[in-house]
C-alpha atoms as a PDB file:
ATOM      1  CA  MET A   1       0.000   0.000   0.000  1.00  0.00           C
ATOM      2  CA  SER A   2       1.148   3.547  -0.654  1.00  0.00           C
ATOM      3  CA  ALA A   3       1.868   6.026   2.151  1.00  0.00           C
ATOM      4  CA  GLY A   4      -1.317   7.742   3.242  1.00  0.00           C
ATOM      5  CA  ALA A   5      -3.658   5.038   1.915  1.00  0.00           C
ATOM      6  CA  LEU A   6      -4.967   4.761   5.500  1.00  0.00           C
ATOM      7  CA  THR A   7      -5.005   7.280   8.313  1.00  0.00           C
ATOM      8  CA  GLU A   8      -3.627   4.754  10.810  1.00  0.00           C
ATOM      9  CA  ASP A   9      -1.697   1.494  10.939  1.00  0.00           C
ATOM     10  CA  VAL A  10      -3.956  -1.572  10.842  1.00  0.00           C
ATOM     11  CA  PRO A  11      -3.330  -5.314  10.534  1.00  0.00           C
ATOM     12  CA  LEU A  12      -3.503  -6.649   6.980  1.00  0.00           C
ATOM     13  CA  THR A  13      -4.659 -10.177   6.191  1.00  0.00           C
ATOM     14  CA  PHE A  14      -4.045 -11.779   2.799  1.00  0.00           C
ATOM     15  CA  GLN A  15      -4.588 -15.404   1.870  1.00  0.00           C
ATOM     16  CA  SER A  16      -5.358 -17.555  -1.123  1.00  0.00           C
ATOM     17  CA  ALA A  17      -8.770 -19.211  -1.221  1.00  0.00           C
ATOM     18  CA  VAL A  18     -10.521 -22.067  -2.962  1.00  0.00           C
ATOM     19  CA  LEU A  19     -12.539 -20.821  -5.933  1.00  0.00           C
ATOM     20  CA  SER A  20     -16.070 -20.046  -4.763  1.00  0.00           C
ATOM     21  CA  SER A  21     -18.727 -22.397  -6.144  1.00  0.00           C
ATOM     22  CA  PHE A  22     -20.953 -19.564  -7.394  1.00  0.00           C
ATOM     23  CA  LEU A  23     -18.328 -18.098  -9.742  1.00  0.00           C
ATOM     24  CA  PRO A  24     -19.676 -18.165 -13.306  1.00  0.00           C
ATOM     25  CA  THR A  25     -17.725 -19.697 -16.163  1.00  0.00           C
ATOM     26  CA  THR A  26     -18.474 -19.058 -19.825  1.00  0.00           C
ATOM     27  CA  ALA A  27     -16.845 -20.062 -23.092  1.00  0.00           C
ATOM     28  CA  ASP A  28     -14.834 -16.828 -22.973  1.00  0.00           C
ATOM     29  CA  ALA A  29     -14.340 -16.165 -19.230  1.00  0.00           C
ATOM     30  CA  THR A  30     -12.831 -18.526 -16.666  1.00  0.00           C
ATOM     31  CA  ALA A  31     -12.022 -17.986 -12.978  1.00  0.00           C
ATOM     32  CA  LEU A  32      -8.401 -18.936 -12.252  1.00  0.00           C
ATOM     33  CA  LEU A  33      -7.417 -17.718  -8.780  1.00  0.00           C
ATOM     34  CA  GLU A  34      -9.190 -16.295  -5.740  1.00  0.00           C
ATOM     35  CA  PHE A  35      -7.731 -14.348  -2.822  1.00  0.00           C
ATOM     36  CA  SER A  36      -9.144 -12.933   0.391  1.00  0.00           C
ATOM     37  CA  ILE A  37      -7.925  -9.539   1.633  1.00  0.00           C
ATOM     38  CA  ASP A  38      -8.821  -7.748   4.855  1.00  0.00           C
ATOM     39  CA  PHE A  39      -7.830  -4.148   5.589  1.00  0.00           C
ATOM     40  CA  ALA A  40      -9.374  -4.330   9.067  1.00  0.00           C
ATOM     41  CA  GLY A  41     -12.667  -3.132   7.631  1.00  0.00           C
ATOM     42  CA  ARG A  42     -11.186   0.064   6.194  1.00  0.00           C
ATOM     43  CA  ALA A  43     -11.374   1.427   2.671  1.00  0.00           C
ATOM     44  CA  LEU A  44      -8.091   2.565   1.129  1.00  0.00           C
ATOM     45  CA  LYS A  45      -7.688   6.092  -0.180  1.00  0.00           C
ATOM     46  CA  ASP A  46      -5.334   4.774  -2.859  1.00  0.00           C
ATOM     47  CA  GLY A  47      -5.518   1.292  -4.344  1.00  0.00           C
ATOM     48  CA  ALA A  48      -3.205  -1.405  -3.000  1.00  0.00           C
ATOM     49  CA  ASP A  49      -0.692  -3.261  -5.166  1.00  0.00           C
ATOM     50  CA  LEU A  50      -1.701  -6.846  -5.931  1.00  0.00           C
ATOM     51  CA  SER A  51       0.436  -9.137  -8.045  1.00  0.00           C
ATOM     52  CA  VAL A  52       0.684 -12.820  -8.948  1.00  0.00           C
ATOM     53  CA  LEU A  53       3.620 -14.793 -10.297  1.00  0.00           C
ATOM     54  CA  ALA A  54       3.357 -15.242 -14.044  1.00  0.00           C
ATOM     55  CA  SER A  55       4.010 -18.959 -13.515  1.00  0.00           C
ATOM     56  CA  GLN A  56       0.487 -19.162 -12.060  1.00  0.00           C
ATOM     57  CA  PHE A  57      -0.839 -18.602 -15.598  1.00  0.00           C
ATOM     58  CA  PRO A  58       1.390 -20.812 -17.789  1.00  0.00           C
ATOM     59  CA  SER A  59      -1.192 -21.261 -20.554  1.00  0.00           C
ATOM     60  CA  LEU A  60      -2.246 -17.622 -20.995  1.00  0.00           C
ATOM     61  CA  GLY A  61      -2.617 -16.914 -24.714  1.00  0.00           C
ATOM     62  CA  LEU A  62      -1.742 -13.769 -26.647  1.00  0.00           C
ATOM     63  CA  ASP A  63      -5.443 -12.992 -27.190  1.00  0.00           C
ATOM     64  CA  GLU A  64      -6.336 -13.493 -23.519  1.00  0.00           C
ATOM     65  CA  THR A  65      -6.589 -10.842 -20.779  1.00  0.00           C
ATOM     66  CA  LEU A  66      -6.550 -11.129 -17.000  1.00  0.00           C
ATOM     67  CA  VAL A  67      -9.378  -9.262 -15.275  1.00  0.00           C
ATOM     68  CA  VAL A  68      -9.345  -8.821 -11.491  1.00  0.00           C
ATOM     69  CA  ALA A  69     -12.861  -8.756 -10.044  1.00  0.00           C
ATOM     70  CA  HIS A  70     -14.060  -7.922  -6.529  1.00  0.00           C
ATOM     71  CA  VAL A  71     -16.991  -9.924  -5.146  1.00  0.00           C
ATOM     72  CA  GLU A  72     -19.637  -7.411  -4.042  1.00  0.00           C
ATOM     73  CA  SER A  73     -23.322  -7.486  -3.172  1.00  0.00           C
ATOM     74  CA  LEU A  74     -25.290  -5.583  -5.812  1.00  0.00           C
ATOM     75  CA  ASP A  75     -29.071  -5.507  -5.818  1.00  0.00           C
ATOM     76  CA  GLY A  76     -29.142  -8.348  -3.281  1.00  0.00           C
ATOM     77  CA  ARG A  77     -26.846 -10.653  -5.282  1.00  0.00           C
ATOM     78  CA  SER A  78     -23.141 -11.513  -5.178  1.00  0.00           C
ATOM     79  CA  ARG A  79     -21.667  -9.997  -8.334  1.00  0.00           C
ATOM     80  CA  LEU A  80     -18.204  -9.708  -9.853  1.00  0.00           C
ATOM     81  CA  VAL A  81     -17.081  -6.089 -10.144  1.00  0.00           C
ATOM     82  CA  PRO A  82     -14.060  -5.583 -12.450  1.00  0.00           C
ATOM     83  CA  VAL A  83     -11.531  -3.406 -10.623  1.00  0.00           C
ATOM     84  CA  ALA A  84      -8.234  -3.972 -12.439  1.00  0.00           C
ATOM     85  CA  ILE A  85      -6.460  -5.569 -15.395  1.00  0.00           C
ATOM     86  CA  GLY A  86      -3.507  -7.931 -15.019  1.00  0.00           C
ATOM     87  CA  GLU A  87      -0.411  -6.499 -16.754  1.00  0.00           C
ATOM     88  CA  LEU A  88       2.837  -8.422 -17.065  1.00  0.00           C
ATOM     89  CA  ALA A  89       5.809  -6.770 -15.341  1.00  0.00           C
ATOM     90  CA  GLY A  90       8.895  -8.975 -15.245  1.00  0.00           C
ATOM     91  CA  ASP A  91       7.915 -12.314 -13.747  1.00  0.00           C
ATOM     92  CA  ARG A  92       4.643 -11.070 -12.213  1.00  0.00           C
ATOM     93  CA  TYR A  93       1.210  -9.935 -13.309  1.00  0.00           C
ATOM     94  CA  MET A  94       0.291  -6.650 -11.614  1.00  0.00           C
ATOM     95  CA  ALA A  95      -3.340  -5.628 -10.992  1.00  0.00           C
ATOM     96  CA  ARG A  96      -3.527  -2.219 -12.714  1.00  0.00           C
ATOM     97  CA  ALA A  97      -6.461   0.162 -12.173  1.00  0.00           C
ATOM     98  CA  VAL A  98      -6.795   1.666 -15.647  1.00  0.00           C
ATOM     99  CA  HIS A  99      -9.500   3.555 -17.574  1.00  0.00           C
ATOM    100  CA  GLY A 100     -11.454   4.465 -14.439  1.00  0.00           C
ATOM    101  CA  LEU A 101     -11.434   1.045 -12.756  1.00  0.00           C
ATOM    102  CA  SER A 102     -11.388   1.427  -8.967  1.00  0.00           C
ATOM    103  CA  GLY A 103      -8.447  -0.817  -8.071  1.00  0.00           C
ATOM    104  CA  ILE A 104      -7.872  -2.755  -4.837  1.00  0.00           C
ATOM    105  CA  ARG A 105      -9.442  -0.421  -2.273  1.00  0.00           C
ATOM    106  CA  LEU A 106     -11.798  -2.636  -0.254  1.00  0.00           C
ATOM    107  CA  GLY A 107     -11.376  -5.826   1.696  1.00  0.00           C
ATOM    108  CA  GLY A 108     -13.088  -9.002   0.558  1.00  0.00           C
ATOM    109  CA  ARG A 109     -12.659 -11.659  -2.112  1.00  0.00           C
ATOM    110  CA  TYR A 110     -10.816 -10.952  -5.350  1.00  0.00           C
ATOM    111  CA  VAL A 111     -10.897 -13.280  -8.355  1.00  0.00           C
ATOM    112  CA  TRP A 112      -8.511 -13.345 -11.313  1.00  0.00           C
ATOM    113  CA  TYR A 113     -10.438 -14.133 -14.503  1.00  0.00           C
ATOM    114  CA  ARG A 114      -9.068 -15.095 -17.890  1.00  0.00           C
ATOM    115  CA  VAL A 115     -11.060 -13.529 -20.733  1.00  0.00           C
ATOM    116  CA  THR A 116     -10.437 -14.489 -24.354  1.00  0.00           C
ATOM    117  CA  GLY A 117     -10.761 -12.233 -27.385  1.00  0.00           C
ATOM    118  CA  GLY A 118      -9.273  -9.073 -25.887  1.00  0.00           C
ATOM    119  CA  ILE A 119     -10.725  -6.573 -23.427  1.00  0.00           C
ATOM    120  CA  GLY A 120     -11.974  -3.063 -24.141  1.00  0.00           C
ATOM    121  CA  PHE A 121     -13.036  -0.426 -21.637  1.00  0.00           C
ATOM    122  CA  VAL A 122     -16.462   1.192 -21.369  1.00  0.00           C
ATOM    123  CA  ARG A 123     -17.172   4.398 -19.449  1.00  0.00           C
ATOM    124  CA  GLY A 124     -20.144   6.698 -19.381  1.00  0.00           C
ATOM    125  CA  LEU A 125     -23.061   8.358 -17.649  1.00  0.00           C
ATOM    126  CA  THR A 126     -26.467   7.023 -16.655  1.00  0.00           C
ATOM    127  CA  ASP A 127     -29.502   9.262 -16.227  1.00  0.00           C
ATOM    128  CA  ALA A 128     -33.294   9.286 -16.049  1.00  0.00           C
ATOM    129  CA  ALA A 129     -34.992  12.337 -17.568  1.00  0.00           C
ATOM    130  CA  GLY A 130     -31.671  14.179 -17.379  1.00  0.00           C
ATOM    131  CA  THR A 131     -31.017  13.412 -13.704  1.00  0.00           C
ATOM    132  CA  PRO A 132     -27.976  11.257 -12.816  1.00  0.00           C
ATOM    133  CA  VAL A 133     -29.012   7.832 -11.513  1.00  0.00           C
ATOM    134  CA  SER A 134     -27.006   5.234  -9.586  1.00  0.00           C
ATOM    135  CA  THR A 135     -27.213   1.927 -11.435  1.00  0.00           C
ATOM    136  CA  VAL A 136     -25.836  -1.560 -11.932  1.00  0.00           C
ATOM    137  CA  VAL A 137     -24.184  -1.775 -15.353  1.00  0.00           C
ATOM    138  CA  GLU A 138     -23.537  -4.982 -17.307  1.00  0.00           C
ATOM    139  CA  VAL A 139     -21.873  -5.614 -20.658  1.00  0.00           C
ATOM    140  CA  SER A 140     -22.951  -8.584 -22.757  1.00  0.00           C
ATOM    141  CA  GLY A 141     -20.443 -11.396 -23.143  1.00  0.00           C
ATOM    142  CA  VAL A 142     -18.721 -11.105 -19.748  1.00  0.00           C
ATOM    143  CA  PRO A 143     -19.906 -12.208 -16.271  1.00  0.00           C
ATOM    144  CA  PHE A 144     -19.234  -8.856 -14.616  1.00  0.00           C
ATOM    145  CA  ALA A 145     -21.422  -6.109 -13.140  1.00  0.00           C
ATOM    146  CA  THR A 146     -20.399  -2.602 -12.115  1.00  0.00           C
ATOM    147  CA  PRO A 147     -22.066  -0.140  -9.743  1.00  0.00           C
ATOM    148  CA  GLY A 148     -22.609   3.195 -11.420  1.00  0.00           C
ATOM    149  CA  VAL A 149     -22.386   5.700  -8.554  1.00  0.00           C
ATOM    150  CA  ASP A 150     -24.095   9.084  -8.974  1.00  0.00           C
ATOM    151  CA  GLY A 151     -24.592   8.415 -12.665  1.00  0.00           C
ATOM    152  CA  ARG A 152     -20.986   7.498 -13.550  1.00  0.00           C
ATOM    153  CA  TYR A 153     -19.561   4.072 -14.313  1.00  0.00           C
ATOM    154  CA  ALA A 154     -16.429   2.387 -15.684  1.00  0.00           C
ATOM    155  CA  THR A 155     -16.309  -1.258 -16.693  1.00  0.00           C
ATOM    156  CA  VAL A 156     -14.907  -3.733 -19.225  1.00  0.00           C
ATOM    157  CA  GLY A 157     -16.202  -5.722 -22.174  1.00  0.00           C
ATOM    158  CA  ARG A 158     -14.887  -8.167 -24.744  1.00  0.00           C
ATOM    159  CA  ALA A 159     -13.612  -6.576 -27.917  1.00  0.00           C
ATOM    160  CA  GLY A 160     -16.306  -6.392 -30.588  1.00  0.00           C
ATOM    161  CA  SER A 161     -20.019  -5.613 -30.721  1.00  0.00           C
ATOM    162  CA  VAL A 162     -21.592  -5.497 -27.244  1.00  0.00           C
ATOM    163  CA  THR A 163     -24.743  -4.312 -25.510  1.00  0.00           C
ATOM    164  CA  VAL A 164     -24.316  -2.188 -22.389  1.00  0.00           C
ATOM    165  CA  ARG A 165     -27.288  -2.393 -20.036  1.00  0.00           C
ATOM    166  CA  ALA A 166     -27.993  -0.323 -16.909  1.00  0.00           C
ATOM    167  CA  ARG A 167     -30.665  -0.846 -14.267  1.00  0.00           C
ATOM    168  CA  ALA A 168     -31.504   1.252 -11.207  1.00  0.00           C
ATOM    169  CA  ALA A 169     -31.801  -1.132  -8.262  1.00  0.00           C
ATOM    170  CA  GLY A 170     -35.223  -1.353  -6.656  1.00  0.00           C
ATOM    171  CA  THR A 171     -36.959   0.432  -9.534  1.00  0.00           C
ATOM    172  CA  SER A 172     -38.293  -0.365 -12.998  1.00  0.00           C
ATOM    173  CA  LEU A 173     -35.817   2.065 -14.580  1.00  0.00           C
ATOM    174  CA  ALA A 174     -33.573   0.442 -17.177  1.00  0.00           C
ATOM    175  CA  GLY A 175     -31.856   1.194 -20.466  1.00  0.00           C
ATOM    176  CA  ASP A 176     -29.320  -0.198 -22.896  1.00  0.00           C
ATOM    177  CA  GLU A 177     -27.093   0.898 -25.752  1.00  0.00           C
ATOM    178  CA  ASP A 178     -25.152  -1.020 -28.388  1.00  0.00           C
ATOM    179  CA  ALA A 179     -21.458  -0.271 -28.780  1.00  0.00           C
ATOM    180  CA  THR A 180     -18.269  -1.517 -30.409  1.00  0.00           C
ATOM    181  CA  THR A 181     -15.266  -2.012 -28.148  1.00  0.00           C
ATOM    182  CA  VAL A 182     -11.627  -2.295 -29.214  1.00  0.00           C
ATOM    183  CA  ALA A 183      -9.030  -4.264 -27.260  1.00  0.00           C
ATOM    184  CA  GLY A 184      -7.033  -1.939 -25.007  1.00  0.00           C
ATOM    185  CA  ALA A 185      -9.074   1.138 -25.953  1.00  0.00           C
ATOM    186  CA  GLU A 186     -11.886   3.054 -24.256  1.00  0.00           C
ATOM    187  CA  VAL A 187     -15.342   3.853 -25.604  1.00  0.00           C
ATOM    188  CA  THR A 188     -17.912   6.214 -24.081  1.00  0.00           C
ATOM    189  CA  VAL A 189     -21.459   4.885 -23.726  1.00  0.00           C
ATOM    190  CA  ASN A 190     -24.080   7.093 -22.053  1.00  0.00           C
ATOM    191  CA  ILE A 191     -27.374   5.427 -21.140  1.00  0.00           C
ATOM    192  CA  SER A 192     -30.758   7.056 -20.505  1.00  0.00           C
ATOM    193  CA  LEU A 193     -33.067   4.953 -18.359  1.00  0.00           C
ATOM    194  CA  VAL A 194     -36.839   4.715 -18.722  1.00  0.00           C
ATOM    195  CA  GLY A 195     -39.489   2.804 -16.811  1.00  0.00           C
ATOM    196  CA  GLU A 196     -40.063  -0.780 -17.935  1.00  0.00           C
ATOM    197  CA  VAL A 197     -43.342  -2.653 -17.649  1.00  0.00           C
ATOM    198  CA  THR A 198     -43.096  -5.399 -15.058  1.00  0.00           C
ATOM    199  CA  ALA A 199     -44.875  -8.599 -16.083  1.00  0.00           C
ATOM    200  CA  ALA A 200     -45.764 -11.297 -13.562  1.00  0.00           C
ATOM    201  CA  THR A 201     -46.977 -14.842 -14.219  1.00  0.00           C
ATOM    202  CA  VAL A 202     -48.939 -16.845 -11.658  1.00  0.00           C
ATOM    203  CA  THR A 203     -49.120 -20.652 -11.715  1.00  0.00           C
ATOM    204  CA  PRO A 204     -51.766 -22.153 -11.481  1.00  0.00           C
ATOM    205  CA  ALA A 205     -53.322 -19.479 -13.682  1.00  0.00           C
ATOM    206  CA  THR A 206     -56.319 -17.407 -12.648  1.00  0.00           C
ATOM    207  CA  GLY A 207     -59.529 -19.391 -13.239  1.00  0.00           C
ATOM    208  CA  ALA A 208     -57.777 -22.779 -13.296  1.00  0.00           C
ATOM    209  CA  ILE A 209     -60.042 -25.670 -12.239  1.00  0.00           C
ATOM    210  CA  ALA A 210     -59.394 -29.087 -10.715  1.00  0.00           C
ATOM    211  CA  VAL A 211     -56.294 -27.752  -8.963  1.00  0.00           C
ATOM    212  CA  SER A 212     -54.988 -29.964  -6.197  1.00  0.00           C
ATOM    213  CA  PRO A 213     -55.389 -28.417  -2.709  1.00  0.00           C
ATOM    214  CA  GLY A 214     -51.708 -29.155  -2.161  1.00  0.00           C
ATOM    215  CA  ALA A 215     -50.540 -27.410  -5.336  1.00  0.00           C
ATOM    216  CA  GLN A 216     -47.845 -24.793  -4.826  1.00  0.00           C
ATOM    217  CA  VAL A 217     -48.625 -21.322  -6.117  1.00  0.00           C
ATOM    218  CA  GLU A 218     -45.670 -19.862  -8.012  1.00  0.00           C
ATOM    219  CA  VAL A 219     -45.174 -16.240  -9.080  1.00  0.00           C
ATOM    220  CA  SER A 220     -42.478 -15.278 -11.595  1.00  0.00           C
ATOM    221  CA  SER A 221     -41.558 -11.719 -12.508  1.00  0.00           C
ATOM    222  CA  SER A 222     -39.681 -10.105 -15.381  1.00  0.00           C
ATOM    223  CA  VAL A 223     -37.631  -8.166 -12.789  1.00  0.00           C
ATOM    224  CA  PRO A 224     -36.349  -9.150  -9.324  1.00  0.00           C
ATOM    225  CA  ILE A 225     -38.985  -8.878  -6.589  1.00  0.00           C
ATOM    226  CA  LYS A 226     -37.955  -6.686  -3.674  1.00  0.00           C
ATOM    227  CA  PRO A 227     -38.085  -8.950  -0.578  1.00  0.00           C
ATOM    228  CA  GLY A 228     -39.383  -6.163   1.674  1.00  0.00           C
ATOM    229  CA  SER A 229     -42.455  -5.762  -0.518  1.00  0.00           C
ATOM    230  CA  LEU A 230     -43.710  -9.285   0.200  1.00  0.00           C
ATOM    231  CA  THR A 231     -46.507  -9.537   2.744  1.00  0.00           C
ATOM    232  CA  THR A 232     -48.682 -12.312   4.122  1.00  0.00           C
ATOM    233  CA  VAL A 233     -51.497 -13.256   1.768  1.00  0.00           C
ATOM    234  CA  TYR A 234     -54.723 -14.966   2.898  1.00  0.00           C
ATOM    235  CA  TYR A 235     -56.728 -17.130   0.541  1.00  0.00           C
ATOM    236  CA  LEU A 236     -60.493 -17.723   0.862  1.00  0.00           C
ATOM    237  CA  ASN A 237     -62.094 -20.907  -0.443  1.00  0.00           C
ATOM    238  CA  GLY A 238     -65.075 -18.996  -1.831  1.00  0.00           C
ATOM    239  CA  ASN A 239     -67.680 -20.659   0.394  1.00  0.00           C
END
């Protein structure tokens, strides 16, 4: 850590970890290593240095990029937030916070991902009716999600044609834009959010007959249901 990253001396804990079972794997993105870091509950003013021996990635191809992701809770789910890119320096890969990525500033779990096809950088603004909105931003083709704070975000995407989607947590506000990313370069994508219609499906359907008294009623929604909005429901048998 750099001088002044914290206002006081605190114990630092760093250890390797077994890859978490929930980590997604796709044809183009694979989790390779996971580490746990604890800054005694503090947030760093400046990002910490994190590096891994290059020998840990012996099969890394020329068209592959290392993305360092922080496991965070976004909209009630554990998501992978890209915070740095692995750059080779001598015999080590250094986690570099480039193109607006936040770097290693918080304690928690960090995962090194291998992404094929090259990585481009996406930055921009999110708003609703001209007002900046905090969002969760995702780019198609990669398993990452980024919090857009106060209407600003910075994330990564595979090189090529992508769709950048933003959603305001706990609301029906959402929006998306298509873009073309170039490996190693940055593209600006601003997204205006509008209200989406929420559709719900109930099974058994309304008016269904000959339904078993023990049948389970299931409700599915086109958007996540806010847990705090659920209340006790009483059913009458109609007699």
